[in-house]
C-alpha atoms as a PDB file:
ATOM      1  CA  UNK A   1     -68.312 -70.728 117.501  1.00  0.00           C
ATOM      2  CA  UNK A   2     -67.027 -73.765 115.633  1.00  0.00           C
ATOM      3  CA  UNK A   3     -63.297 -74.385 115.269  1.00  0.00           C
ATOM      4  CA  UNK A   4     -61.352 -75.357 112.190  1.00  0.00           C
ATOM      5  CA  UNK A   5     -59.943 -78.845 112.643  1.00  0.00           C
ATOM      6  CA  UNK A   6     -56.856 -79.694 110.612  1.00  0.00           C
ATOM      7  CA  UNK A   7     -57.041 -83.208 109.175  1.00  0.00           C
ATOM      8  CA  UNK A   8     -54.247 -85.397 107.785  1.00  0.00           C
ATOM      9  CA  UNK A   9     -53.531 -84.801 104.104  1.00  0.00           C
ATOM     10  CA  UNK A  10     -55.021 -87.857 102.473  1.00  0.00           C
ATOM     11  CA  UNK A  11     -56.841 -88.064  99.194  1.00  0.00           C
ATOM     12  CA  UNK A  12     -60.267 -88.772 100.704  1.00  0.00           C
ATOM     13  CA  UNK A  13     -59.972 -86.044 103.345  1.00  0.00           C
ATOM     14  CA  UNK A  14     -58.799 -83.545 100.730  1.00  0.00           C
ATOM     15  CA  UNK A  15     -61.660 -84.529  98.427  1.00  0.00           C
ATOM     16  CA  UNK A  16     -64.118 -84.274 101.316  1.00  0.00           C
ATOM     17  CA  UNK A  17     -62.747 -80.807 102.259  1.00  0.00           C
ATOM     18  CA  UNK A  18     -63.090 -79.628  98.644  1.00  0.00           C
ATOM     19  CA  UNK A  19     -66.693 -80.843  98.413  1.00  0.00           C
ATOM     20  CA  UNK A  20     -67.518 -79.217 101.767  1.00  0.00           C
ATOM     21  CA  UNK A  21     -65.969 -75.935 100.629  1.00  0.00           C
ATOM     22  CA  UNK A  22     -68.068 -75.948  97.436  1.00  0.00           C
ATOM     23  CA  UNK A  23     -71.264 -76.774  99.331  1.00  0.00           C
ATOM     24  CA  UNK A  24     -70.546 -74.200 102.038  1.00  0.00           C
ATOM     25  CA  UNK A  25     -69.805 -71.511  99.462  1.00  0.00           C
ATOM     26  CA  UNK A  26     -72.860 -72.345  97.375  1.00  0.00           C
ATOM     27  CA  UNK A  27     -75.542 -73.017  99.954  1.00  0.00           C
ATOM     28  CA  UNK A  28     -74.495 -71.847 103.389  1.00  0.00           C
ATOM     29  CA  UNK A  29     -72.707 -68.524 103.809  1.00  0.00           C
ATOM     30  CA  UNK A  30     -72.580 -68.887 107.579  1.00  0.00           C
ATOM     31  CA  UNK A  31     -69.446 -67.703 109.358  1.00  0.00           C
ATOM     32  CA  UNK A  32     -66.844 -69.173 110.121  1.00  0.00           C
ATOM     33  CA  UNK A  33     -66.829 -72.242 107.826  1.00  0.00           C
ATOM     34  CA  UNK A  34     -67.309 -70.119 104.719  1.00  0.00           C
ATOM     35  CA  UNK A  35     -64.267 -68.034 105.561  1.00  0.00           C
ATOM     36  CA  UNK A  36     -61.924 -71.034 105.713  1.00  0.00           C
ATOM     37  CA  UNK A  37     -61.935 -71.765 101.984  1.00  0.00           C
ATOM     38  CA  UNK A  38     -58.699 -73.589 101.238  1.00  0.00           C
ATOM     39  CA  UNK A  39     -56.722 -72.376  98.237  1.00  0.00           C
ATOM     40  CA  UNK A  40     -55.655 -75.350  96.128  1.00  0.00           C
ATOM     41  CA  UNK A  41     -52.601 -73.694  94.525  1.00  0.00           C
ATOM     42  CA  UNK A  42     -49.488 -73.692  96.686  1.00  0.00           C
ATOM     43  CA  UNK A  43     -49.275 -74.567 100.342  1.00  0.00           C
ATOM     44  CA  UNK A  44     -51.970 -73.340 102.707  1.00  0.00           C
ATOM     45  CA  UNK A  45     -50.908 -71.211 105.659  1.00  0.00           C
ATOM     46  CA  UNK A  46     -52.509 -71.525 109.111  1.00  0.00           C
ATOM     47  CA  UNK A  47     -54.841 -68.656 109.989  1.00  0.00           C
ATOM     48  CA  UNK A  48     -56.698 -67.411 113.043  1.00  0.00           C
ATOM     49  CA  UNK A  49     -59.823 -65.389 112.204  1.00  0.00           C
ATOM     50  CA  UNK A  50     -61.818 -63.345 114.694  1.00  0.00           C
ATOM     51  CA  UNK A  51     -64.982 -61.437 113.914  1.00  0.00           C
ATOM     52  CA  UNK A  52     -65.949 -58.380 115.916  1.00  0.00           C
ATOM     53  CA  UNK A  53     -69.010 -56.154 115.527  1.00  0.00           C
ATOM     54  CA  UNK A  54     -67.140 -53.743 113.276  1.00  0.00           C
ATOM     55  CA  UNK A  55     -64.210 -55.732 111.861  1.00  0.00           C
ATOM     56  CA  UNK A  56     -62.364 -58.965 111.177  1.00  0.00           C
ATOM     57  CA  UNK A  57     -58.864 -59.628 112.515  1.00  0.00           C
ATOM     58  CA  UNK A  58     -56.752 -62.255 110.767  1.00  0.00           C
ATOM     59  CA  UNK A  59     -53.515 -63.689 112.119  1.00  0.00           C
ATOM     60  CA  UNK A  60     -51.512 -65.679 109.590  1.00  0.00           C
ATOM     61  CA  UNK A  61     -48.501 -67.857 110.466  1.00  0.00           C
ATOM     62  CA  UNK A  62     -45.596 -67.107 108.116  1.00  0.00           C
ATOM     63  CA  UNK A  63     -42.419 -68.092 109.992  1.00  0.00           C
ATOM     64  CA  UNK A  64     -39.221 -67.259 108.131  1.00  0.00           C
ATOM     65  CA  UNK A  65     -40.986 -65.212 105.436  1.00  0.00           C
ATOM     66  CA  UNK A  66     -39.788 -61.657 104.806  1.00  0.00           C
ATOM     67  CA  UNK A  67     -42.223 -58.799 104.315  1.00  0.00           C
ATOM     68  CA  UNK A  68     -40.919 -58.313 100.742  1.00  0.00           C
ATOM     69  CA  UNK A  69     -41.966 -61.890  99.895  1.00  0.00           C
ATOM     70  CA  UNK A  70     -45.639 -61.381 100.854  1.00  0.00           C
ATOM     71  CA  UNK A  71     -48.342 -60.169  98.475  1.00  0.00           C
ATOM     72  CA  UNK A  72     -51.812 -59.262  99.774  1.00  0.00           C
ATOM     73  CA  UNK A  73     -54.713 -58.627  97.383  1.00  0.00           C
ATOM     74  CA  UNK A  74     -57.846 -57.322  99.051  1.00  0.00           C
ATOM     75  CA  UNK A  75     -61.324 -57.016  97.636  1.00  0.00           C
ATOM     76  CA  UNK A  76     -64.565 -56.017  99.342  1.00  0.00           C
ATOM     77  CA  UNK A  77     -65.466 -59.698  99.771  1.00  0.00           C
ATOM     78  CA  UNK A  78     -62.131 -61.553 100.050  1.00  0.00           C
ATOM     79  CA  UNK A  79     -58.441 -61.377 100.884  1.00  0.00           C
ATOM     80  CA  UNK A  80     -55.803 -63.336  98.967  1.00  0.00           C
ATOM     81  CA  UNK A  81     -52.421 -63.774 100.643  1.00  0.00           C
ATOM     82  CA  UNK A  82     -49.435 -65.131  98.724  1.00  0.00           C
ATOM     83  CA  UNK A  83     -45.997 -65.698 100.223  1.00  0.00           C
ATOM     84  CA  UNK A  84     -42.729 -67.224  99.099  1.00  0.00           C
ATOM     85  CA  UNK A  85     -40.315 -68.884 101.516  1.00  0.00           C
ATOM     86  CA  UNK A  86     -36.958 -69.451  99.856  1.00  0.00           C
ATOM     87  CA  UNK A  87     -34.586 -72.255 100.724  1.00  0.00           C
ATOM     88  CA  UNK A  88     -31.643 -71.014 102.794  1.00  0.00           C
ATOM     89  CA  UNK A  89     -28.445 -72.158 101.128  1.00  0.00           C
ATOM     90  CA  UNK A  90     -25.733 -73.071 103.621  1.00  0.00           C
ATOM     91  CA  UNK A  91     -22.128 -72.477 102.654  1.00  0.00           C
ATOM     92  CA  UNK A  92     -20.935 -75.412 104.731  1.00  0.00           C
ATOM     93  CA  UNK A  93     -22.175 -78.526 102.905  1.00  0.00           C
ATOM     94  CA  UNK A  94     -19.817 -80.931 104.689  1.00  0.00           C
ATOM     95  CA  UNK A  95     -22.463 -82.477 106.907  1.00  0.00           C
ATOM     96  CA  UNK A  96     -22.995 -86.240 106.777  1.00  0.00           C
ATOM     97  CA  UNK A  97     -26.702 -86.223 107.457  1.00  0.00           C
ATOM     98  CA  UNK A  98     -29.462 -83.733 106.767  1.00  0.00           C
ATOM     99  CA  UNK A  99     -33.169 -84.008 107.438  1.00  0.00           C
ATOM    100  CA  UNK A 100     -35.436 -81.017 107.117  1.00  0.00           C
ATOM    101  CA  UNK A 101     -39.115 -80.751 107.895  1.00  0.00           C
ATOM    102  CA  UNK A 102     -39.206 -77.078 106.939  1.00  0.00           C
ATOM    103  CA  UNK A 103     -41.513 -76.202 104.067  1.00  0.00           C
ATOM    104  CA  UNK A 104     -40.199 -73.998 101.292  1.00  0.00           C
ATOM    105  CA  UNK A 105     -41.934 -72.638  98.261  1.00  0.00           C
ATOM    106  CA  UNK A 106     -45.083 -70.686  97.499  1.00  0.00           C
ATOM    107  CA  UNK A 107     -47.877 -70.313 100.026  1.00  0.00           C
ATOM    108  CA  UNK A 108     -51.328 -69.117  99.029  1.00  0.00           C
ATOM    109  CA  UNK A 109     -54.567 -68.586 100.895  1.00  0.00           C
ATOM    110  CA  UNK A 110     -57.852 -66.929  99.944  1.00  0.00           C
ATOM    111  CA  UNK A 111     -60.363 -66.068 102.655  1.00  0.00           C
ATOM    112  CA  UNK A 112     -63.932 -65.038 101.797  1.00  0.00           C
ATOM    113  CA  UNK A 113     -66.072 -62.917 104.106  1.00  0.00           C
ATOM    114  CA  UNK A 114     -69.843 -62.845 104.665  1.00  0.00           C
ATOM    115  CA  UNK A 115     -69.711 -59.009 104.945  1.00  0.00           C
ATOM    116  CA  UNK A 116     -68.074 -56.398 102.734  1.00  0.00           C
ATOM    117  CA  UNK A 117     -64.647 -55.131 103.800  1.00  0.00           C
ATOM    118  CA  UNK A 118     -63.611 -51.467 103.933  1.00  0.00           C
ATOM    119  CA  UNK A 119     -60.537 -51.680 101.697  1.00  0.00           C
ATOM    120  CA  UNK A 120     -59.333 -48.135 102.409  1.00  0.00           C
ATOM    121  CA  UNK A 121     -59.148 -48.626 106.187  1.00  0.00           C
ATOM    122  CA  UNK A 122     -57.615 -52.131 106.149  1.00  0.00           C
ATOM    123  CA  UNK A 123     -54.105 -52.595 107.571  1.00  0.00           C
ATOM    124  CA  UNK A 124     -51.392 -55.270 107.599  1.00  0.00           C
ATOM    125  CA  UNK A 125     -48.502 -55.760 110.040  1.00  0.00           C
ATOM    126  CA  UNK A 126     -45.792 -58.458 110.232  1.00  0.00           C
ATOM    127  CA  UNK A 127     -44.118 -59.205 113.575  1.00  0.00           C
ATOM    128  CA  UNK A 128     -42.186 -62.316 114.612  1.00  0.00           C
ATOM    129  CA  UNK A 129     -43.526 -64.377 111.700  1.00  0.00           C
ATOM    130  CA  UNK A 130     -47.185 -63.485 112.326  1.00  0.00           C
ATOM    131  CA  UNK A 131     -49.013 -61.395 109.722  1.00  0.00           C
ATOM    132  CA  UNK A 132     -51.890 -59.465 111.322  1.00  0.00           C
ATOM    133  CA  UNK A 133     -54.602 -58.057 109.050  1.00  0.00           C
ATOM    134  CA  UNK A 134     -57.197 -55.669 110.475  1.00  0.00           C
ATOM    135  CA  UNK A 135     -60.164 -55.512 108.140  1.00  0.00           C
ATOM    136  CA  UNK A 136     -62.971 -53.136 109.115  1.00  0.00           C
ATOM    137  CA  UNK A 137     -66.438 -54.032 107.905  1.00  0.00           C
ATOM    138  CA  UNK A 138     -67.980 -51.677 105.378  1.00  0.00           C
ATOM    139  CA  UNK A 139     -71.008 -50.267 107.156  1.00  0.00           C
ATOM    140  CA  UNK A 140     -74.150 -49.671 105.200  1.00  0.00           C
ATOM    141  CA  UNK A 141     -77.212 -48.075 106.679  1.00  0.00           C
ATOM    142  CA  UNK A 142     -79.628 -51.002 106.761  1.00  0.00           C
ATOM    143  CA  UNK A 143     -82.338 -48.738 108.186  1.00  0.00           C
ATOM    144  CA  UNK A 144     -82.450 -46.633 105.037  1.00  0.00           C
ATOM    145  CA  UNK A 145     -85.432 -47.542 102.912  1.00  0.00           C
ATOM    146  CA  UNK A 146     -86.599 -46.452  99.513  1.00  0.00           C
ATOM    147  CA  UNK A 147     -90.086 -46.468  98.137  1.00  0.00           C
ATOM    148  CA  UNK A 148     -90.180 -48.512  94.971  1.00  0.00           C
ATOM    149  CA  UNK A 149     -92.613 -47.287  92.356  1.00  0.00           C
ATOM    150  CA  UNK A 150     -94.352 -49.794  90.135  1.00  0.00           C
ATOM    151  CA  UNK A 151     -94.136 -48.926  86.462  1.00  0.00           C
ATOM    152  CA  UNK A 152     -97.002 -49.511  84.033  1.00  0.00           C
END
């Protein structure tokens, strides 16, 4: 299994990642690179994706985000996760110095899957800033065959 390597946000690396995502999506639907399509709108959220025989399990880091501020759209071939982390206003503004490396704003991530997802049986759970999505694969009977008649 290959691992997703996070690179510094520079123009050339971003451009290279975008080109790779387009090529992967167009020509090579091999897991797991295809699943790590980066959404360009908003800030991307770190994810951990595991594939099992019958399902996918996604863990998404969303520290400081409330359940009410998360929107999950699921389709048979993708999941789109949107979250909003609001700036916490402090009543005491008498400090002399303030530096914050926290990220606030809208987060968005779309993950595509090489197999269809069973939407009805999918679940989501948020604990300690980690969103866990359990996405069962939609099983089709690949052994079923049909005789195709040739029409005149």
